[in-house]
């Protein structure tokens, strides 16, 4: 039942722009985004409910190439780390279309992030590092 509740909250967010009271909003800054060939944004925001499998992700690439919000998943969540995954179709700096699979690991103790952006079907990968706050 929780994913349905979160789906309803997602719809309310998209339509009304209001976050549900129990939502966690993780704001991340990627310090080396410029070296990613345009695959990784320098600022990423992830909204999710504790215990939910769904997450909403927004960044400059999703705003430019998508609907403003990408629906992702909470791949794992434990006492030390939360891992989020999502996909987005983009144009890279060489103007090639690519579907990118993103994986962002948030380390809870030191608030650091590490992430990968893997071009599906191409095999190239970009990486990012940075920090996040709630």
N, C-alpha and C. Protein backbone atom coordinates (compact mmCIF):
# COMPACT_ATOMS: atom_id res chain seq x y z
N UNK A 1 0.81 -1.19 0.00
CA UNK A 1 0.00 0.00 0.00
C UNK A 1 0.86 1.26 0.00
N UNK A 2 2.06 1.21 0.54
CA UNK A 2 2.91 2.38 0.62
C UNK A 2 3.26 2.95 -0.77
N UNK A 3 3.63 2.08 -1.79
CA UNK A 3 3.91 2.65 -3.10
C UNK A 3 2.72 3.40 -3.70
N UNK A 4 1.50 2.93 -3.46
CA UNK A 4 0.32 3.63 -3.97
C UNK A 4 0.19 4.98 -3.29
N UNK A 5 0.41 5.04 -1.99
CA UNK A 5 0.37 6.30 -1.26
C UNK A 5 1.41 7.26 -1.82
N UNK A 6 2.61 6.76 -2.07
CA UNK A 6 3.67 7.61 -2.60
C UNK A 6 3.34 8.05 -4.03
N UNK A 7 2.72 7.16 -4.82
CA UNK A 7 2.32 7.54 -6.18
C UNK A 7 1.31 8.68 -6.13
N UNK A 8 0.39 8.61 -5.19
CA UNK A 8 -0.59 9.70 -5.03
C UNK A 8 0.12 10.99 -4.62
N UNK A 9 1.09 10.87 -3.73
CA UNK A 9 1.85 12.05 -3.32
C UNK A 9 2.65 12.61 -4.48
N UNK A 10 3.18 11.72 -5.32
CA UNK A 10 3.93 12.15 -6.50
C UNK A 10 3.03 12.96 -7.42
N UNK A 11 1.83 12.45 -7.67
CA UNK A 11 0.88 13.16 -8.52
C UNK A 11 0.54 14.52 -7.92
N UNK A 12 0.33 14.57 -6.63
CA UNK A 12 0.03 15.84 -5.97
C UNK A 12 1.20 16.81 -6.10
N UNK A 13 2.40 16.28 -6.02
CA UNK A 13 3.59 17.12 -6.15
C UNK A 13 3.68 17.71 -7.55
N UNK A 14 3.47 16.85 -8.55
CA UNK A 14 3.56 17.31 -9.93
C UNK A 14 2.48 18.34 -10.23
N UNK A 15 1.26 18.07 -9.79
CA UNK A 15 0.14 18.95 -10.07
C UNK A 15 0.15 20.19 -9.18
N UNK A 16 0.35 19.98 -7.88
CA UNK A 16 0.20 21.09 -6.94
C UNK A 16 1.47 21.69 -6.42
N UNK A 17 2.60 21.01 -6.62
CA UNK A 17 3.86 21.55 -6.14
C UNK A 17 4.02 21.52 -4.63
N UNK A 18 3.29 20.66 -3.93
CA UNK A 18 3.37 20.59 -2.47
C UNK A 18 3.93 19.23 -2.08
N UNK A 19 4.95 19.23 -1.23
CA UNK A 19 5.56 17.98 -0.78
C UNK A 19 4.75 17.37 0.35
N UNK A 20 4.63 16.03 0.37
CA UNK A 20 3.96 15.39 1.49
C UNK A 20 4.76 15.61 2.77
N UNK A 21 4.07 15.63 3.92
CA UNK A 21 4.70 15.96 5.19
C UNK A 21 5.81 15.00 5.57
N UNK A 22 5.71 13.72 5.20
CA UNK A 22 6.70 12.74 5.60
C UNK A 22 7.82 12.56 4.57
N UNK A 23 7.83 13.35 3.54
CA UNK A 23 8.84 13.21 2.49
C UNK A 23 10.20 13.69 2.98
N UNK A 24 11.23 12.97 2.55
CA UNK A 24 12.62 13.37 2.79
C UNK A 24 13.14 13.96 1.49
N UNK A 25 13.79 15.09 1.54
CA UNK A 25 14.33 15.72 0.34
C UNK A 25 15.84 15.80 0.50
N UNK A 26 16.55 15.06 -0.34
CA UNK A 26 18.00 15.01 -0.32
C UNK A 26 18.52 15.93 -1.41
N UNK A 27 19.28 16.94 -1.04
CA UNK A 27 19.84 17.90 -2.00
C UNK A 27 21.33 17.64 -2.12
N UNK A 28 21.76 17.32 -3.33
CA UNK A 28 23.14 16.90 -3.55
C UNK A 28 23.85 17.83 -4.53
N UNK A 29 25.10 18.10 -4.25
CA UNK A 29 25.97 18.86 -5.14
C UNK A 29 27.09 17.95 -5.60
N UNK A 30 27.26 17.86 -6.92
CA UNK A 30 28.29 17.01 -7.51
C UNK A 30 29.47 17.90 -7.87
N UNK A 31 30.60 17.68 -7.22
CA UNK A 31 31.74 18.58 -7.37
C UNK A 31 32.48 18.41 -8.70
N UNK A 32 32.41 17.24 -9.32
CA UNK A 32 33.14 17.02 -10.57
C UNK A 32 32.21 16.77 -11.76
N UNK A 33 31.02 17.33 -11.74
CA UNK A 33 30.04 17.10 -12.81
C UNK A 33 30.56 17.57 -14.17
N UNK A 34 31.38 18.59 -14.20
CA UNK A 34 31.88 19.13 -15.45
C UNK A 34 32.69 18.16 -16.28
N UNK A 35 33.25 17.14 -15.65
CA UNK A 35 34.07 16.17 -16.38
C UNK A 35 33.26 14.97 -16.87
N UNK A 36 31.94 15.04 -16.80
CA UNK A 36 31.09 13.88 -17.11
C UNK A 36 30.51 13.90 -18.52
N UNK A 37 31.00 14.74 -19.41
CA UNK A 37 30.50 14.84 -20.80
C UNK A 37 29.04 15.25 -20.86
N UNK A 38 28.59 15.97 -19.84
CA UNK A 38 27.20 16.41 -19.82
C UNK A 38 26.23 15.36 -19.32
N UNK A 39 26.72 14.25 -18.77
CA UNK A 39 25.85 13.17 -18.31
C UNK A 39 25.39 13.36 -16.88
N UNK A 40 26.14 14.11 -16.07
CA UNK A 40 25.81 14.28 -14.66
C UNK A 40 25.61 15.76 -14.37
N UNK A 41 24.49 16.08 -13.75
CA UNK A 41 24.20 17.47 -13.38
C UNK A 41 25.00 17.83 -12.12
N UNK A 42 25.24 19.11 -11.93
CA UNK A 42 26.01 19.52 -10.75
C UNK A 42 25.14 19.63 -9.50
N UNK A 43 23.83 19.61 -9.66
CA UNK A 43 22.91 19.68 -8.52
C UNK A 43 21.77 18.69 -8.76
N UNK A 44 21.53 17.81 -7.79
CA UNK A 44 20.51 16.77 -7.90
C UNK A 44 19.64 16.81 -6.65
N UNK A 45 18.34 16.71 -6.84
CA UNK A 45 17.41 16.68 -5.71
C UNK A 45 16.61 15.38 -5.78
N UNK A 46 16.57 14.66 -4.67
CA UNK A 46 15.85 13.39 -4.60
C UNK A 46 14.85 13.47 -3.46
N UNK A 47 13.60 13.16 -3.77
CA UNK A 47 12.55 13.16 -2.76
C UNK A 47 11.98 11.76 -2.63
N UNK A 48 11.86 11.29 -1.39
CA UNK A 48 11.33 9.96 -1.15
C UNK A 48 10.76 9.89 0.26
N UNK A 49 9.96 8.87 0.49
CA UNK A 49 9.42 8.62 1.83
C UNK A 49 10.22 7.49 2.46
N UNK A 50 10.52 7.61 3.73
CA UNK A 50 11.23 6.57 4.45
C UNK A 50 10.47 5.26 4.34
N UNK A 51 11.12 4.21 3.88
CA UNK A 51 10.48 2.91 3.73
C UNK A 51 9.87 2.66 2.37
N UNK A 52 9.81 3.67 1.51
CA UNK A 52 9.22 3.51 0.18
C UNK A 52 10.27 3.01 -0.81
N UNK A 53 9.81 2.37 -1.86
CA UNK A 53 10.71 1.92 -2.92
C UNK A 53 10.82 2.94 -4.04
N UNK A 54 9.98 3.95 -4.05
CA UNK A 54 9.98 4.96 -5.11
C UNK A 54 10.67 6.23 -4.66
N UNK A 55 11.25 6.92 -5.64
CA UNK A 55 11.88 8.22 -5.38
C UNK A 55 11.63 9.11 -6.59
N UNK A 56 11.55 10.41 -6.34
CA UNK A 56 11.43 11.38 -7.42
C UNK A 56 12.76 12.11 -7.51
N UNK A 57 13.29 12.19 -8.71
CA UNK A 57 14.60 12.81 -8.92
C UNK A 57 14.43 13.98 -9.87
N UNK A 58 15.11 15.08 -9.57
CA UNK A 58 15.10 16.23 -10.46
C UNK A 58 16.49 16.85 -10.50
N UNK A 59 16.89 17.25 -11.68
CA UNK A 59 18.16 17.96 -11.88
C UNK A 59 18.05 18.73 -13.20
N UNK A 60 19.11 19.41 -13.58
CA UNK A 60 19.07 20.23 -14.79
C UNK A 60 18.85 19.39 -16.05
N UNK A 61 19.38 18.17 -16.09
CA UNK A 61 19.21 17.32 -17.27
C UNK A 61 17.77 16.82 -17.39
N UNK A 62 17.18 16.45 -16.27
CA UNK A 62 15.78 16.00 -16.29
C UNK A 62 14.87 17.16 -16.66
N UNK A 63 15.17 18.35 -16.16
CA UNK A 63 14.38 19.53 -16.52
C UNK A 63 14.51 19.84 -18.01
N UNK A 64 15.71 19.65 -18.56
CA UNK A 64 15.95 19.98 -19.97
C UNK A 64 15.39 18.92 -20.92
N UNK A 65 15.59 17.64 -20.61
CA UNK A 65 15.24 16.57 -21.54
C UNK A 65 14.01 15.76 -21.15
N UNK A 66 13.55 15.90 -19.93
CA UNK A 66 12.44 15.07 -19.46
C UNK A 66 11.24 15.90 -19.07
N UNK A 67 10.50 15.37 -18.12
CA UNK A 67 9.26 16.02 -17.67
C UNK A 67 9.47 16.87 -16.43
N UNK A 68 10.69 17.02 -15.99
CA UNK A 68 10.97 17.78 -14.77
C UNK A 68 11.24 16.89 -13.58
N UNK A 69 10.63 15.71 -13.59
CA UNK A 69 10.83 14.74 -12.52
C UNK A 69 10.99 13.36 -13.14
N UNK A 70 12.02 12.64 -12.71
CA UNK A 70 12.18 11.24 -13.11
C UNK A 70 11.78 10.37 -11.92
N UNK A 71 11.04 9.32 -12.19
CA UNK A 71 10.69 8.38 -11.13
C UNK A 71 11.80 7.35 -11.04
N UNK A 72 12.40 7.28 -9.87
CA UNK A 72 13.48 6.34 -9.63
C UNK A 72 13.10 5.35 -8.54
N UNK A 73 14.08 4.57 -8.11
CA UNK A 73 13.85 3.58 -7.07
C UNK A 73 14.88 3.73 -5.96
N UNK A 74 14.47 3.38 -4.77
CA UNK A 74 15.40 3.24 -3.66
C UNK A 74 15.89 1.80 -3.76
N UNK A 75 17.09 1.62 -4.29
CA UNK A 75 17.64 0.28 -4.54
C UNK A 75 17.98 -0.42 -3.23
N UNK A 76 18.57 0.33 -2.30
CA UNK A 76 18.87 -0.22 -0.97
C UNK A 76 18.92 0.93 0.03
N UNK A 77 18.58 0.60 1.26
CA UNK A 77 18.61 1.59 2.34
C UNK A 77 18.92 0.87 3.63
N UNK A 78 20.06 1.19 4.23
CA UNK A 78 20.43 0.58 5.50
C UNK A 78 21.00 1.66 6.42
N UNK A 79 21.60 1.28 7.50
CA UNK A 79 22.06 2.26 8.48
C UNK A 79 23.24 3.10 8.00
N UNK A 80 23.95 2.65 6.97
CA UNK A 80 25.12 3.40 6.51
C UNK A 80 24.94 4.09 5.17
N UNK A 81 24.06 3.55 4.31
CA UNK A 81 23.98 4.07 2.95
C UNK A 81 22.59 3.90 2.36
N UNK A 82 22.21 4.85 1.49
CA UNK A 82 21.01 4.71 0.67
C UNK A 82 21.45 4.81 -0.78
N UNK A 83 20.96 3.89 -1.61
CA UNK A 83 21.28 3.87 -3.03
C UNK A 83 20.02 4.11 -3.84
N UNK A 84 20.11 5.08 -4.76
CA UNK A 84 19.00 5.43 -5.65
C UNK A 84 19.40 5.10 -7.08
N UNK A 85 18.44 4.65 -7.90
CA UNK A 85 18.69 4.40 -9.32
C UNK A 85 17.56 5.01 -10.14
N UNK A 86 17.90 5.52 -11.33
CA UNK A 86 16.92 6.07 -12.25
C UNK A 86 17.54 6.13 -13.64
N UNK A 87 16.70 6.34 -14.65
CA UNK A 87 17.15 6.47 -16.03
C UNK A 87 16.66 7.78 -16.62
N UNK A 88 17.43 8.30 -17.57
CA UNK A 88 17.03 9.52 -18.27
C UNK A 88 17.63 9.51 -19.67
N UNK A 89 16.84 9.90 -20.64
CA UNK A 89 17.33 10.05 -22.02
C UNK A 89 17.84 11.48 -22.16
N UNK A 90 19.07 11.63 -22.66
CA UNK A 90 19.70 12.95 -22.79
C UNK A 90 20.43 13.05 -24.12
N UNK A 91 20.94 14.24 -24.40
CA UNK A 91 21.93 14.46 -25.46
C UNK A 91 23.22 14.83 -24.75
N UNK A 92 24.31 14.15 -25.09
CA UNK A 92 25.57 14.47 -24.42
C UNK A 92 26.24 15.66 -25.10
N UNK A 93 27.43 16.01 -24.66
CA UNK A 93 28.10 17.20 -25.18
C UNK A 93 28.47 17.06 -26.66
N UNK A 94 28.52 15.83 -27.19
CA UNK A 94 28.76 15.65 -28.62
C UNK A 94 27.45 15.51 -29.38
N UNK A 95 26.33 15.87 -28.73
CA UNK A 95 24.97 15.89 -29.30
C UNK A 95 24.47 14.51 -29.71
N UNK A 96 24.97 13.46 -29.08
CA UNK A 96 24.48 12.11 -29.31
C UNK A 96 23.39 11.80 -28.29
N UNK A 97 22.29 11.19 -28.78
CA UNK A 97 21.23 10.75 -27.87
C UNK A 97 21.71 9.53 -27.10
N UNK A 98 21.39 9.50 -25.83
CA UNK A 98 21.77 8.36 -25.00
C UNK A 98 20.77 8.20 -23.87
N UNK A 99 20.49 6.95 -23.51
CA UNK A 99 19.73 6.69 -22.29
C UNK A 99 20.75 6.36 -21.22
N UNK A 100 20.72 7.14 -20.17
CA UNK A 100 21.70 7.01 -19.10
C UNK A 100 21.05 6.35 -17.89
N UNK A 101 21.72 5.35 -17.35
CA UNK A 101 21.29 4.71 -16.11
C UNK A 101 22.13 5.29 -14.97
N UNK A 102 21.45 5.92 -14.03
CA UNK A 102 22.13 6.58 -12.91
C UNK A 102 22.04 5.72 -11.65
N UNK A 103 23.11 5.75 -10.89
CA UNK A 103 23.15 5.10 -9.57
C UNK A 103 23.86 6.06 -8.63
N UNK A 104 23.15 6.52 -7.60
CA UNK A 104 23.71 7.46 -6.63
C UNK A 104 23.72 6.80 -5.25
N UNK A 105 24.90 6.74 -4.65
CA UNK A 105 25.07 6.21 -3.29
C UNK A 105 25.27 7.38 -2.34
N UNK A 106 24.43 7.44 -1.33
CA UNK A 106 24.53 8.48 -0.30
C UNK A 106 25.03 7.83 0.99
N UNK A 107 26.20 8.26 1.44
CA UNK A 107 26.79 7.75 2.69
C UNK A 107 26.26 8.59 3.84
N UNK A 108 25.53 7.97 4.75
CA UNK A 108 24.84 8.70 5.82
C UNK A 108 25.79 9.30 6.85
N UNK A 109 26.89 8.64 7.15
CA UNK A 109 27.80 9.11 8.20
C UNK A 109 28.47 10.42 7.83
N UNK A 110 29.01 10.50 6.61
CA UNK A 110 29.76 11.71 6.22
C UNK A 110 29.05 12.54 5.16
N UNK A 111 27.81 12.17 4.81
CA UNK A 111 26.97 12.93 3.87
C UNK A 111 27.58 13.04 2.48
N UNK A 112 28.43 12.09 2.11
CA UNK A 112 29.07 12.11 0.81
C UNK A 112 28.27 11.29 -0.20
N UNK A 113 28.41 11.66 -1.46
CA UNK A 113 27.78 10.89 -2.53
C UNK A 113 28.85 10.41 -3.48
N UNK A 114 28.58 9.26 -4.05
CA UNK A 114 29.34 8.77 -5.19
C UNK A 114 28.29 8.28 -6.17
N UNK A 115 28.52 8.51 -7.45
CA UNK A 115 27.52 8.10 -8.41
C UNK A 115 28.15 7.68 -9.72
N UNK A 116 27.40 6.89 -10.48
CA UNK A 116 27.80 6.51 -11.82
C UNK A 116 26.66 6.85 -12.77
N UNK A 117 27.04 7.17 -13.98
CA UNK A 117 26.09 7.40 -15.07
C UNK A 117 26.57 6.52 -16.22
N UNK A 118 25.81 5.49 -16.52
CA UNK A 118 26.22 4.51 -17.53
C UNK A 118 25.32 4.62 -18.75
N UNK A 119 25.93 4.84 -19.91
CA UNK A 119 25.17 4.91 -21.16
C UNK A 119 24.78 3.50 -21.58
N UNK A 120 23.48 3.24 -21.59
CA UNK A 120 22.99 1.90 -21.92
C UNK A 120 23.24 1.61 -23.39
N UNK A 121 23.79 0.44 -23.66
CA UNK A 121 24.07 0.03 -25.02
C UNK A 121 25.38 0.55 -25.58
N UNK A 122 26.01 1.49 -24.89
CA UNK A 122 27.27 2.06 -25.37
C UNK A 122 28.44 1.54 -24.53
N UNK A 123 28.19 1.39 -23.24
CA UNK A 123 29.22 0.87 -22.36
C UNK A 123 30.12 1.91 -21.72
N UNK A 124 29.92 3.18 -22.04
CA UNK A 124 30.73 4.22 -21.39
C UNK A 124 30.10 4.59 -20.05
N UNK A 125 30.95 4.98 -19.11
CA UNK A 125 30.49 5.34 -17.77
C UNK A 125 31.16 6.63 -17.32
N UNK A 126 30.39 7.50 -16.70
CA UNK A 126 30.93 8.70 -16.06
C UNK A 126 30.69 8.55 -14.56
N UNK A 127 31.54 9.18 -13.77
CA UNK A 127 31.39 9.09 -12.32
C UNK A 127 31.30 10.48 -11.71
N UNK A 128 30.70 10.55 -10.55
CA UNK A 128 30.58 11.81 -9.83
C UNK A 128 30.79 11.62 -8.34
N UNK A 129 31.26 12.67 -7.70
CA UNK A 129 31.44 12.68 -6.25
C UNK A 129 30.95 14.02 -5.73
N UNK A 130 30.53 14.05 -4.49
CA UNK A 130 30.06 15.30 -3.92
C UNK A 130 29.50 15.09 -2.53
N UNK A 131 28.56 15.96 -2.16
CA UNK A 131 27.97 15.88 -0.83
C UNK A 131 26.47 16.19 -0.91
N UNK A 132 25.75 15.76 0.13
CA UNK A 132 24.30 15.94 0.18
C UNK A 132 23.87 16.43 1.56
N UNK A 133 22.73 17.12 1.59
CA UNK A 133 22.11 17.54 2.83
C UNK A 133 20.61 17.31 2.74
N UNK A 134 19.95 17.22 3.89
CA UNK A 134 18.48 17.12 3.92
C UNK A 134 17.91 18.47 4.20
